[in-house]
Protein backbone atom coordinates (compact mmCIF):
# COMPACT_ATOMS: atom_id res chain seq x y z
CA MET A 1 89.04 -30.82 -21.12
CA LYS A 2 86.47 -33.45 -20.90
CA ARG A 3 85.64 -35.32 -23.76
CA GLU A 4 82.63 -37.10 -24.50
CA SER A 5 82.18 -40.45 -25.26
CA GLY A 6 80.23 -41.35 -28.44
CA GLY A 7 76.97 -41.94 -26.38
CA GLU A 8 77.29 -38.78 -24.65
CA ILE A 9 77.92 -36.82 -27.72
CA MET A 10 74.27 -39.13 -28.91
CA GLU A 11 72.37 -37.37 -26.04
CA LEU A 12 73.48 -34.04 -26.38
CA GLN A 13 72.40 -33.91 -29.74
CA CYS A 14 69.36 -35.14 -29.26
CA LYS A 15 68.58 -33.16 -26.67
CA ALA A 16 69.34 -29.98 -29.25
CA GLN A 17 67.48 -31.52 -31.96
CA ASP A 18 64.51 -31.31 -29.57
CA ASP A 19 64.21 -27.69 -28.33
CA TRP A 20 61.39 -25.94 -28.52
CA ILE A 21 60.00 -22.64 -28.98
CA VAL A 22 57.45 -19.96 -27.59
CA GLY A 23 57.29 -16.78 -29.00
CA GLY A 24 60.59 -16.70 -30.82
CA HIS A 25 62.37 -17.68 -27.85
CA ARG A 26 64.01 -21.50 -27.87
CA PHE A 27 63.65 -23.70 -24.97
CA SER A 28 65.36 -27.01 -23.78
CA SER A 29 63.65 -28.08 -20.55
CA ARG A 30 59.56 -28.76 -20.90
CA LEU A 31 58.89 -28.50 -17.52
CA LEU A 32 57.65 -25.21 -15.97
CA MET A 33 57.67 -24.43 -12.39
CA GLY A 34 55.52 -21.86 -10.04
CA THR A 35 56.15 -20.11 -7.28
CA GLY A 36 53.33 -20.13 -5.04
CA LYS A 37 52.81 -22.26 -1.59
CA PHE A 38 56.39 -22.77 -0.71
CA GLN A 39 57.04 -22.99 2.64
CA ASP A 40 60.03 -20.61 2.43
CA ALA A 41 62.34 -19.04 -0.41
CA GLU A 42 64.91 -21.38 -0.10
CA THR A 43 62.78 -24.32 -0.54
CA MET A 44 61.06 -22.50 -3.84
CA VAL A 45 64.96 -21.73 -5.32
CA GLY A 46 65.98 -25.21 -4.68
CA ALA A 47 63.05 -26.61 -6.23
CA VAL A 48 63.45 -24.43 -9.24
CA ARG A 49 66.91 -25.27 -9.36
CA ALA A 50 66.33 -29.14 -9.30
CA SER A 51 63.29 -29.42 -11.82
CA GLY A 52 65.67 -27.37 -14.56
CA ALA A 53 63.01 -25.22 -15.08
CA GLN A 54 63.81 -22.49 -17.85
CA ILE A 55 60.24 -20.75 -17.40
CA VAL A 56 59.09 -19.75 -13.95
CA THR A 57 56.17 -18.02 -13.33
CA VAL A 58 55.10 -15.20 -10.42
CA ALA A 59 52.30 -13.92 -9.13
CA LEU A 60 52.38 -9.99 -9.39
CA ARG A 61 50.79 -9.58 -6.40
CA ARG A 62 54.24 -11.08 -4.88
CA VAL A 63 56.93 -8.73 -6.83
CA GLY A 64 57.50 -5.47 -5.42
CA ARG A 65 59.54 -1.75 -6.50
CA ASN A 66 61.49 -2.32 -3.05
CA PRO A 67 63.25 -5.53 -1.81
CA ARG A 68 61.23 -7.59 0.59
CA GLU A 69 61.08 -10.66 2.48
CA ASP A 70 58.68 -11.90 -0.04
CA ASP A 71 60.18 -10.54 -2.80
CA MET A 72 60.68 -12.96 -5.92
CA LEU A 73 62.62 -11.46 -8.07
CA GLY A 74 65.24 -11.19 -5.40
CA SER A 75 64.88 -14.66 -4.41
CA LEU A 76 65.10 -16.11 -7.78
CA GLY A 77 68.02 -13.31 -8.53
CA GLY A 78 70.38 -15.71 -8.15
CA LEU A 79 68.98 -18.32 -10.66
CA LYS A 80 70.45 -18.21 -13.88
CA GLY A 81 69.08 -19.38 -17.67
CA ILE A 82 65.55 -18.88 -16.15
CA THR A 83 62.64 -16.91 -17.67
CA LEU A 84 60.55 -14.98 -15.50
CA MET A 85 57.01 -14.99 -16.74
CA PRO A 86 54.92 -13.10 -14.63
CA ASN A 87 50.96 -13.91 -14.44
CA THR A 88 47.64 -12.38 -13.30
CA SER A 89 46.66 -14.25 -10.91
CA GLY A 90 43.46 -12.61 -8.91
CA ALA A 91 42.58 -10.29 -11.79
CA ARG A 92 38.95 -10.92 -12.10
CA ASN A 93 38.30 -9.42 -15.93
CA ALA A 94 40.11 -8.17 -19.25
CA SER A 95 40.55 -4.93 -17.84
CA GLU A 96 42.58 -6.05 -14.48
CA ALA A 97 44.67 -8.78 -16.45
CA ILE A 98 45.98 -5.59 -18.83
CA ARG A 99 46.59 -3.22 -16.47
CA ALA A 100 48.69 -6.53 -14.35
CA ALA A 101 50.38 -7.78 -17.67
CA ARG A 102 52.21 -4.01 -18.27
CA LEU A 103 53.08 -3.34 -14.84
CA GLY A 104 54.66 -7.15 -14.76
CA ARG A 105 56.51 -6.50 -18.14
CA GLU A 106 57.80 -3.03 -16.65
CA LEU A 107 58.83 -4.53 -13.31
CA CYS A 108 60.36 -7.70 -14.66
CA GLY A 109 61.63 -6.45 -18.04
CA SER A 110 60.00 -10.04 -19.64
CA PRO A 111 57.88 -10.05 -22.32
CA PHE A 112 56.52 -13.07 -21.14
CA VAL A 113 53.05 -13.16 -19.49
CA LYS A 114 50.51 -15.92 -18.03
CA VAL A 115 46.97 -14.54 -18.67
CA GLU A 116 45.45 -15.90 -15.46
CA ILE A 117 41.64 -14.49 -15.01
CA HIS A 118 39.35 -16.73 -12.66
CA PRO A 119 36.74 -14.42 -11.01
CA ASN A 120 35.19 -17.25 -9.07
CA PRO A 121 37.33 -17.92 -6.00
CA HIS A 122 35.21 -20.93 -4.93
CA HIS A 123 36.05 -23.06 -8.29
CA LEU A 124 38.85 -20.83 -9.97
CA MET A 125 38.52 -21.43 -13.31
CA PRO A 126 39.39 -19.64 -16.14
CA ASP A 127 37.07 -17.05 -18.03
CA PRO A 128 37.18 -17.80 -21.38
CA ILE A 129 35.71 -14.75 -22.45
CA GLU A 130 37.63 -12.16 -20.26
CA THR A 131 40.72 -14.84 -21.17
CA PHE A 132 39.96 -13.94 -25.56
CA GLU A 133 39.71 -10.25 -25.11
CA ALA A 134 43.26 -9.88 -22.37
CA ALA A 135 44.79 -11.94 -24.76
CA THR A 136 43.86 -10.30 -27.60
CA VAL A 137 45.06 -6.83 -26.71
CA LEU A 138 48.43 -8.40 -25.19
CA ALA A 139 49.01 -10.39 -28.30
CA ALA A 140 48.96 -7.13 -30.15
CA GLU A 141 51.11 -5.31 -27.72
CA GLY A 142 53.63 -8.07 -28.29
CA PHE A 143 53.51 -9.39 -25.53
CA VAL A 144 54.44 -13.59 -25.30
CA VAL A 145 51.06 -14.49 -24.07
CA MET A 146 50.97 -17.68 -22.70
CA PRO A 147 46.59 -18.23 -21.83
CA TYR A 148 45.40 -20.41 -19.01
CA MET A 149 42.12 -21.30 -19.90
CA PRO A 150 39.82 -24.34 -20.02
CA ALA A 151 40.37 -27.12 -21.81
CA ASP A 152 38.09 -26.06 -24.93
CA PRO A 153 38.91 -26.49 -28.45
CA VAL A 154 37.12 -23.89 -29.88
CA LEU A 155 38.49 -21.06 -27.62
CA ALA A 156 41.91 -23.12 -28.28
CA LYS A 157 41.67 -22.08 -32.19
CA ARG A 158 40.21 -18.51 -31.14
CA LEU A 159 43.18 -17.84 -28.77
CA GLU A 160 45.75 -18.90 -31.47
CA ASP A 161 43.69 -16.79 -34.29
CA VAL A 162 44.71 -13.77 -32.21
CA GLY A 163 48.02 -14.47 -31.40
CA CYS A 164 48.73 -16.06 -28.61
CA ALA A 165 52.37 -17.45 -28.07
CA SER A 166 51.39 -21.30 -26.44
CA LEU A 167 47.75 -22.75 -25.32
CA MET A 168 47.27 -23.83 -21.34
CA PRO A 169 44.90 -25.24 -21.01
CA LEU A 170 43.70 -26.86 -17.57
CA GLY A 171 44.49 -30.69 -16.77
CA SER A 172 41.64 -30.44 -13.77
CA ALA A 173 41.18 -27.50 -11.21
CA ILE A 174 44.06 -25.35 -9.86
CA GLY A 175 45.24 -27.47 -6.60
CA SER A 176 42.84 -30.39 -7.06
CA GLY A 177 45.62 -32.97 -7.69
CA ARG A 178 42.59 -34.76 -9.90
CA GLY A 179 45.32 -35.09 -13.08
CA LEU A 180 44.63 -35.63 -16.41
CA ALA A 181 40.09 -35.35 -15.99
CA THR A 182 40.63 -33.83 -19.32
CA ALA A 183 42.32 -36.19 -21.61
CA GLU A 184 40.16 -36.08 -24.04
CA MET A 185 39.26 -32.13 -24.92
CA LEU A 186 43.17 -32.20 -24.57
CA ARG A 187 43.82 -34.55 -27.58
CA LEU A 188 41.24 -32.37 -29.70
CA ILE A 189 43.04 -28.92 -28.48
CA LEU A 190 46.61 -31.02 -29.73
CA ARG A 191 45.12 -32.33 -33.10
CA ASP A 192 44.77 -28.50 -34.40
CA ALA A 193 46.97 -26.70 -32.71
CA ARG A 194 50.02 -24.79 -34.66
CA ILE A 195 51.65 -23.35 -31.35
CA PRO A 196 52.58 -25.14 -28.22
CA VAL A 197 50.13 -27.13 -25.43
CA ILE A 198 51.32 -26.95 -22.12
CA VAL A 199 49.16 -28.74 -19.85
CA ASP A 200 48.76 -26.37 -16.24
CA ALA A 201 46.98 -26.93 -13.50
CA GLY A 202 45.30 -30.17 -11.69
CA LEU A 203 48.89 -32.61 -12.25
CA ARG A 204 49.31 -34.55 -8.92
CA SER A 205 52.11 -36.66 -9.40
CA PRO A 206 55.37 -37.35 -12.25
CA SER A 207 53.39 -40.10 -13.54
CA GLU A 208 50.54 -37.65 -14.93
CA ALA A 209 52.88 -35.38 -16.53
CA ALA A 210 54.93 -38.03 -18.15
CA ALA A 211 51.42 -38.84 -20.35
CA ALA A 212 50.69 -35.22 -20.88
CA LEU A 213 54.14 -35.98 -22.95
CA GLU A 214 53.28 -38.71 -24.22
CA MET A 215 49.65 -37.70 -25.66
CA GLY A 216 51.68 -34.81 -27.48
CA CYS A 217 51.85 -31.98 -25.23
CA ASP A 218 54.74 -29.58 -25.20
CA ALA A 219 55.36 -29.23 -21.77
CA VAL A 220 54.06 -29.00 -18.13
CA LEU A 221 53.40 -26.50 -15.42
CA VAL A 222 53.58 -27.75 -11.84
CA ASN A 223 53.42 -25.82 -8.46
CA SER A 224 51.08 -27.29 -6.16
CA ALA A 225 51.96 -30.58 -6.88
CA VAL A 226 55.89 -29.93 -5.72
CA ALA A 227 55.31 -27.34 -3.04
CA ALA A 228 52.87 -29.17 -1.70
CA SER A 229 54.47 -32.71 -1.48
CA GLY A 230 56.93 -33.76 1.34
CA ASP A 231 60.00 -33.38 -0.37
CA PRO A 232 59.75 -30.53 -3.07
CA ILE A 233 63.30 -30.35 -4.12
CA ALA A 234 63.09 -34.29 -4.54
CA MET A 235 59.86 -33.66 -6.33
CA ALA A 236 60.74 -31.77 -8.84
CA ALA A 237 63.51 -33.39 -9.58
CA ALA A 238 61.10 -36.52 -10.41
CA PHE A 239 58.82 -34.11 -12.58
CA ALA A 240 61.73 -33.05 -14.28
CA ARG A 241 62.70 -36.97 -15.18
CA ALA A 242 59.15 -37.58 -15.93
CA VAL A 243 58.64 -34.59 -18.15
CA GLY A 244 62.22 -36.63 -19.76
CA ALA A 245 60.82 -39.60 -20.13
CA GLY A 246 57.15 -39.23 -21.82
CA ARG A 247 58.88 -36.80 -24.37
CA ASP A 248 61.10 -39.65 -25.29
CA ALA A 249 57.97 -41.88 -25.43
CA HIS A 250 55.99 -39.44 -27.37
CA ARG A 251 59.31 -39.22 -29.74
CA ALA A 252 58.96 -42.68 -29.97
CA GLY A 253 55.96 -43.20 -30.59
CA LEU A 254 53.60 -45.86 -28.15
CA MET A 255 52.54 -49.05 -29.33
CA PRO A 256 48.76 -49.46 -31.01
CA GLN A 257 46.37 -50.50 -28.71
CA GLY A 258 44.90 -54.10 -29.41
CA GLY A 259 41.24 -54.14 -29.51
CA GLY A 260 40.72 -56.19 -26.21
CA ALA A 261 42.30 -59.72 -27.39
CA ALA A 262 45.53 -61.25 -26.40
CA LEU A 263 47.62 -60.96 -29.18
CA ALA A 264 51.11 -63.45 -28.56
CA THR A 265 54.50 -61.76 -28.51
CA SER A 266 55.76 -64.47 -30.26
CA PRO A 267 53.97 -67.04 -32.64
CA LEU A 268 52.89 -70.65 -31.96
CA THR A 269 55.61 -72.94 -33.96
CA ALA A 270 55.42 -76.17 -34.91
CA PHE A 271 56.79 -78.18 -31.71
CA LEU A 272 54.68 -76.25 -29.69
CA SER A 273 51.24 -76.91 -31.75
CA VAL A 274 48.83 -80.26 -31.24
CA GLU A 275 49.60 -81.14 -34.90
CA GLY A 276 52.60 -80.79 -34.81
CA ALA A 277 53.53 -83.36 -31.91
């Protein structure tokens, strides 16, 4: 039987104490993974495994009742400890998203749903009105609703009030790789949110994921940043390490920022001053 050292035991205890809960479900990984844009299913599965993600989102249009080459359920079926989160990507309004969510629960057996409604294919920005309407209905039906949304503090509180399990504001436009362009709005959402806040969309690098966790976000969801990288499996592992580091930094507490003037790290002593010479 393997014996853990004191340091290993402490690390395990810290990890257990830092689990997070969404919709009554407990998770330890704060990195969520998307499954689109990968060159093949083998790479996608390898990246998910390397990421350590426990929540994986899959577009309902890629889930079928009958096995086929592009069936995500078959590809992900060999991974242990994965919670599938069907998403309603492609829905243009609340009615379509609600119908897709119900179908996703039937096919995947998962109460989780990422409500994703972007009617304009030119910018793919989430529709706040239709998202709110769909979230209201689905939360009342017992779904674990995780809405993809603009970084809007007012909408965030409305979605929380109707029973959403988390908030998923964008960092920047889907697939843009523009990082945390909405950082100031994210801070306002974080200030008032009583449910988990997950940055979804726009992240390009592991350092941006770390920054999101440092500011207090509970998790991040990435897809393009991994799938479109030179080595998706290695990049997924890099994101996992960055998310862990960002969370550790947030828990430790960042030093306060100065007002612009330099501050000495050590006080001057007499033998360094002119008077003491």
